[in-house]
N, C-alpha and C. Protein backbone atom coordinates (compact mmCIF):
# COMPACT_ATOMS: atom_id res chain seq x y z
N MET A 1 13.07 7.85 7.82
CA MET A 1 12.65 6.49 8.12
C MET A 1 12.29 5.78 6.82
N ASP A 2 12.64 4.53 6.75
CA ASP A 2 12.35 3.73 5.56
C ASP A 2 10.83 3.55 5.43
N PRO A 3 10.27 3.82 4.26
CA PRO A 3 8.82 3.72 4.07
C PRO A 3 8.26 2.33 4.35
N THR A 4 9.05 1.29 4.12
CA THR A 4 8.54 -0.06 4.37
C THR A 4 8.28 -0.29 5.86
N VAL A 5 9.08 0.32 6.73
CA VAL A 5 8.88 0.19 8.16
C VAL A 5 7.56 0.84 8.56
N VAL A 6 7.27 2.00 7.99
CA VAL A 6 6.01 2.69 8.27
C VAL A 6 4.83 1.81 7.84
N LEU A 7 4.92 1.20 6.68
CA LEU A 7 3.84 0.35 6.18
C LEU A 7 3.66 -0.90 7.04
N ILE A 8 4.75 -1.49 7.47
CA ILE A 8 4.67 -2.70 8.29
C ILE A 8 4.00 -2.40 9.62
N ASN A 9 4.30 -1.25 10.21
CA ASN A 9 3.70 -0.88 11.49
C ASN A 9 2.22 -0.52 11.36
N LYS A 10 1.83 -0.01 10.22
CA LYS A 10 0.47 0.52 10.04
C LYS A 10 -0.56 -0.56 9.67
N PHE A 11 -0.14 -1.59 8.94
CA PHE A 11 -1.08 -2.59 8.43
C PHE A 11 -0.70 -3.99 8.88
N ASP A 12 -1.68 -4.89 8.85
CA ASP A 12 -1.45 -6.28 9.21
C ASP A 12 -1.11 -7.04 7.93
N LEU A 13 0.17 -7.23 7.71
CA LEU A 13 0.63 -7.83 6.46
C LEU A 13 0.67 -9.36 6.51
N ARG A 14 0.48 -9.93 7.69
CA ARG A 14 0.49 -11.39 7.80
C ARG A 14 -0.70 -12.01 7.06
N LYS A 15 -1.71 -11.21 6.82
CA LYS A 15 -2.91 -11.71 6.14
C LYS A 15 -2.66 -11.92 4.64
N LEU A 16 -1.56 -11.34 4.13
CA LEU A 16 -1.22 -11.39 2.72
C LEU A 16 -2.40 -10.91 1.88
N ASN A 17 -2.83 -11.70 0.90
CA ASN A 17 -3.93 -11.26 0.06
C ASN A 17 -5.23 -12.00 0.37
N ARG A 18 -5.28 -12.71 1.50
CA ARG A 18 -6.48 -13.48 1.85
C ARG A 18 -7.61 -12.61 2.36
N VAL A 19 -7.27 -11.60 3.18
CA VAL A 19 -8.26 -10.66 3.69
C VAL A 19 -7.65 -9.27 3.68
N CYS A 20 -8.47 -8.26 3.88
CA CYS A 20 -8.05 -6.87 3.89
C CYS A 20 -6.89 -6.67 4.88
N ASN A 21 -5.85 -5.95 4.47
CA ASN A 21 -4.67 -5.73 5.32
C ASN A 21 -4.88 -4.68 6.39
N PHE A 22 -6.03 -4.02 6.44
CA PHE A 22 -6.31 -3.06 7.50
C PHE A 22 -6.50 -3.84 8.80
N LYS A 23 -5.83 -3.40 9.85
CA LYS A 23 -5.89 -4.13 11.13
C LYS A 23 -7.33 -4.23 11.62
N GLY A 24 -7.75 -5.46 11.92
CA GLY A 24 -9.08 -5.70 12.45
C GLY A 24 -10.14 -5.99 11.41
N CYS A 25 -9.83 -5.84 10.13
CA CYS A 25 -10.82 -6.10 9.08
C CYS A 25 -10.63 -7.52 8.55
N ASN A 26 -11.72 -8.23 8.39
CA ASN A 26 -11.66 -9.60 7.87
C ASN A 26 -12.41 -9.77 6.55
N LYS A 27 -12.67 -8.66 5.86
CA LYS A 27 -13.36 -8.73 4.58
C LYS A 27 -12.41 -9.18 3.48
N ILE A 28 -12.97 -9.76 2.45
CA ILE A 28 -12.19 -10.17 1.28
C ILE A 28 -11.75 -8.90 0.54
N PRO A 29 -10.47 -8.81 0.15
CA PRO A 29 -10.00 -7.60 -0.53
C PRO A 29 -10.56 -7.49 -1.95
N THR A 30 -10.82 -6.25 -2.34
CA THR A 30 -11.28 -5.98 -3.71
C THR A 30 -10.27 -5.14 -4.47
N ARG A 31 -9.25 -4.61 -3.76
CA ARG A 31 -8.23 -3.75 -4.39
C ARG A 31 -6.84 -4.20 -4.00
N GLU A 32 -5.96 -4.32 -4.97
CA GLU A 32 -4.54 -4.50 -4.72
C GLU A 32 -3.88 -3.16 -4.99
N THR A 33 -3.06 -2.72 -4.05
CA THR A 33 -2.38 -1.44 -4.18
C THR A 33 -0.89 -1.67 -4.13
N LEU A 34 -0.22 -1.31 -5.22
CA LEU A 34 1.22 -1.42 -5.29
C LEU A 34 1.81 -0.10 -4.83
N ILE A 35 2.63 -0.13 -3.77
CA ILE A 35 3.29 1.06 -3.25
C ILE A 35 4.72 1.04 -3.79
N PHE A 36 5.15 2.14 -4.39
CA PHE A 36 6.50 2.20 -4.94
C PHE A 36 7.16 3.54 -4.65
N GLU A 37 8.48 3.52 -4.73
CA GLU A 37 9.30 4.70 -4.47
C GLU A 37 10.00 5.09 -5.76
N ILE A 38 9.99 6.38 -6.07
CA ILE A 38 10.67 6.89 -7.27
C ILE A 38 11.79 7.81 -6.83
N ASP A 39 12.99 7.53 -7.32
CA ASP A 39 14.14 8.39 -7.05
C ASP A 39 14.20 9.41 -8.19
N ARG A 40 13.97 10.67 -7.87
CA ARG A 40 13.91 11.71 -8.90
C ARG A 40 15.26 11.94 -9.59
N ARG A 41 16.35 11.70 -8.86
CA ARG A 41 17.68 11.94 -9.45
C ARG A 41 18.03 10.89 -10.49
N THR A 42 17.72 9.64 -10.22
CA THR A 42 18.10 8.57 -11.14
C THR A 42 16.92 8.06 -11.96
N ALA A 43 15.72 8.51 -11.65
CA ALA A 43 14.48 8.08 -12.32
C ALA A 43 14.22 6.59 -12.13
N ARG A 44 14.79 6.01 -11.07
CA ARG A 44 14.55 4.61 -10.77
C ARG A 44 13.28 4.44 -9.94
N LYS A 45 12.60 3.35 -10.21
CA LYS A 45 11.37 3.03 -9.50
C LYS A 45 11.59 1.73 -8.74
N ARG A 46 11.30 1.75 -7.45
CA ARG A 46 11.50 0.56 -6.61
C ARG A 46 10.17 0.20 -5.97
N GLU A 47 9.71 -1.02 -6.21
CA GLU A 47 8.47 -1.48 -5.60
C GLU A 47 8.74 -1.82 -4.14
N LEU A 48 7.90 -1.29 -3.25
CA LEU A 48 8.06 -1.54 -1.83
C LEU A 48 7.22 -2.72 -1.37
N MET A 49 5.94 -2.72 -1.72
CA MET A 49 5.07 -3.83 -1.34
C MET A 49 3.70 -3.68 -1.98
N SER A 50 2.96 -4.77 -1.92
CA SER A 50 1.56 -4.76 -2.34
C SER A 50 0.71 -4.86 -1.09
N LEU A 51 -0.33 -4.05 -1.05
CA LEU A 51 -1.31 -4.08 0.03
C LEU A 51 -2.65 -4.47 -0.56
N TYR A 52 -3.46 -5.13 0.23
CA TYR A 52 -4.77 -5.59 -0.23
C TYR A 52 -5.83 -5.02 0.70
N PHE A 53 -6.84 -4.36 0.12
CA PHE A 53 -7.88 -3.69 0.90
C PHE A 53 -9.27 -4.04 0.40
N CYS A 54 -10.22 -4.01 1.31
CA CYS A 54 -11.61 -3.99 0.90
C CYS A 54 -11.85 -2.56 0.39
N GLU A 55 -12.93 -2.35 -0.32
CA GLU A 55 -13.19 -1.03 -0.93
C GLU A 55 -13.24 0.08 0.12
N LYS A 56 -13.88 -0.18 1.24
CA LYS A 56 -14.02 0.83 2.29
C LYS A 56 -12.66 1.29 2.81
N HIS A 57 -11.79 0.36 3.16
CA HIS A 57 -10.50 0.73 3.73
C HIS A 57 -9.53 1.30 2.68
N TYR A 58 -9.71 0.92 1.43
CA TYR A 58 -8.92 1.54 0.37
C TYR A 58 -9.27 3.02 0.29
N ASN A 59 -10.56 3.33 0.22
CA ASN A 59 -11.00 4.72 0.09
C ASN A 59 -10.59 5.58 1.28
N ILE A 60 -10.60 5.01 2.47
CA ILE A 60 -10.27 5.76 3.68
C ILE A 60 -8.77 5.96 3.82
N ASN A 61 -7.96 4.97 3.47
CA ASN A 61 -6.55 4.95 3.84
C ASN A 61 -5.53 5.35 2.80
N ILE A 62 -5.75 5.10 1.55
CA ILE A 62 -4.64 5.15 0.61
C ILE A 62 -4.04 6.55 0.44
N LYS A 63 -4.85 7.57 0.28
CA LYS A 63 -4.30 8.91 0.09
C LYS A 63 -3.55 9.38 1.33
N LYS A 64 -4.12 9.12 2.50
CA LYS A 64 -3.49 9.51 3.75
C LYS A 64 -2.16 8.76 3.94
N THR A 65 -2.15 7.49 3.60
CA THR A 65 -0.94 6.68 3.74
C THR A 65 0.17 7.18 2.83
N VAL A 66 -0.15 7.46 1.58
CA VAL A 66 0.86 7.95 0.64
C VAL A 66 1.40 9.31 1.10
N THR A 67 0.53 10.17 1.60
CA THR A 67 0.96 11.48 2.13
C THR A 67 1.91 11.30 3.30
N GLU A 68 1.57 10.41 4.23
CA GLU A 68 2.44 10.13 5.39
C GLU A 68 3.79 9.61 4.95
N LEU A 69 3.78 8.70 4.00
CA LEU A 69 5.03 8.11 3.52
C LEU A 69 5.91 9.16 2.85
N ASN A 70 5.31 10.07 2.11
CA ASN A 70 6.09 11.11 1.45
C ASN A 70 6.73 12.06 2.46
N ARG A 71 6.08 12.29 3.58
CA ARG A 71 6.66 13.14 4.63
C ARG A 71 7.90 12.51 5.24
N SER A 72 7.91 11.19 5.34
CA SER A 72 9.03 10.50 5.98
C SER A 72 10.08 10.02 4.99
N CYS A 73 9.89 10.33 3.72
CA CYS A 73 10.78 9.84 2.66
C CYS A 73 12.06 10.69 2.57
N GLU A 74 13.12 10.07 2.08
CA GLU A 74 14.37 10.79 1.86
C GLU A 74 14.18 11.90 0.84
N LYS A 75 15.02 12.92 0.94
CA LYS A 75 14.98 14.01 -0.02
C LYS A 75 15.32 13.47 -1.42
N GLY A 76 14.56 13.90 -2.41
CA GLY A 76 14.79 13.46 -3.78
C GLY A 76 14.01 12.22 -4.16
N LYS A 77 13.26 11.66 -3.22
CA LYS A 77 12.46 10.47 -3.51
C LYS A 77 11.00 10.77 -3.21
N ILE A 78 10.12 10.12 -3.95
CA ILE A 78 8.69 10.25 -3.70
C ILE A 78 8.06 8.87 -3.66
N ILE A 79 6.97 8.77 -2.93
CA ILE A 79 6.20 7.53 -2.83
C ILE A 79 4.91 7.72 -3.61
N ASP A 80 4.54 6.70 -4.37
CA ASP A 80 3.29 6.75 -5.11
C ASP A 80 2.65 5.37 -5.06
N GLU A 81 1.47 5.26 -5.58
CA GLU A 81 0.74 4.00 -5.58
C GLU A 81 0.01 3.80 -6.89
N LYS A 82 -0.23 2.55 -7.18
CA LYS A 82 -1.05 2.18 -8.33
C LYS A 82 -1.99 1.08 -7.84
N SER A 83 -3.26 1.24 -8.09
CA SER A 83 -4.24 0.29 -7.57
C SER A 83 -4.94 -0.45 -8.70
N PHE A 84 -5.31 -1.67 -8.39
CA PHE A 84 -5.98 -2.53 -9.35
C PHE A 84 -7.18 -3.19 -8.68
N ASP A 85 -8.25 -3.33 -9.44
CA ASP A 85 -9.38 -4.13 -8.96
C ASP A 85 -8.98 -5.58 -9.05
N ILE A 86 -9.30 -6.34 -8.02
CA ILE A 86 -9.03 -7.76 -8.07
C ILE A 86 -10.34 -8.49 -7.91
N GLY A 87 -10.44 -9.60 -8.53
CA GLY A 87 -11.66 -10.40 -8.43
C GLY A 87 -11.31 -11.82 -8.03
N TYR A 88 -12.20 -12.44 -7.35
CA TYR A 88 -12.01 -13.80 -6.94
C TYR A 88 -13.01 -14.68 -7.67
N ILE A 89 -12.55 -15.84 -8.06
CA ILE A 89 -13.42 -16.80 -8.74
C ILE A 89 -14.23 -17.52 -7.67
N THR A 90 -15.53 -17.47 -7.82
CA THR A 90 -16.38 -18.20 -6.89
C THR A 90 -17.12 -19.28 -7.65
N TYR A 91 -17.28 -20.40 -7.04
CA TYR A 91 -17.95 -21.53 -7.69
C TYR A 91 -19.29 -21.78 -7.08
């Protein structure tokens, strides 16, 4: 199964980066997580999507999500993530 389909089913992506992408959470995100796929044969890296989480849902979900994605990934490819702290300007 394509990893992007798994991600679309698991998280609420309509929220974009306005609020946490975890279904039911309305907190402001503090982490941007870039999910990408690496093809071991060609050494190509393909970005799948960016997810935005509050700190709580990042800590709970990201490792489990990457593990799930790797189980459903094609042979010779792996899924990984890179996370960044994001800040919002408040006036």
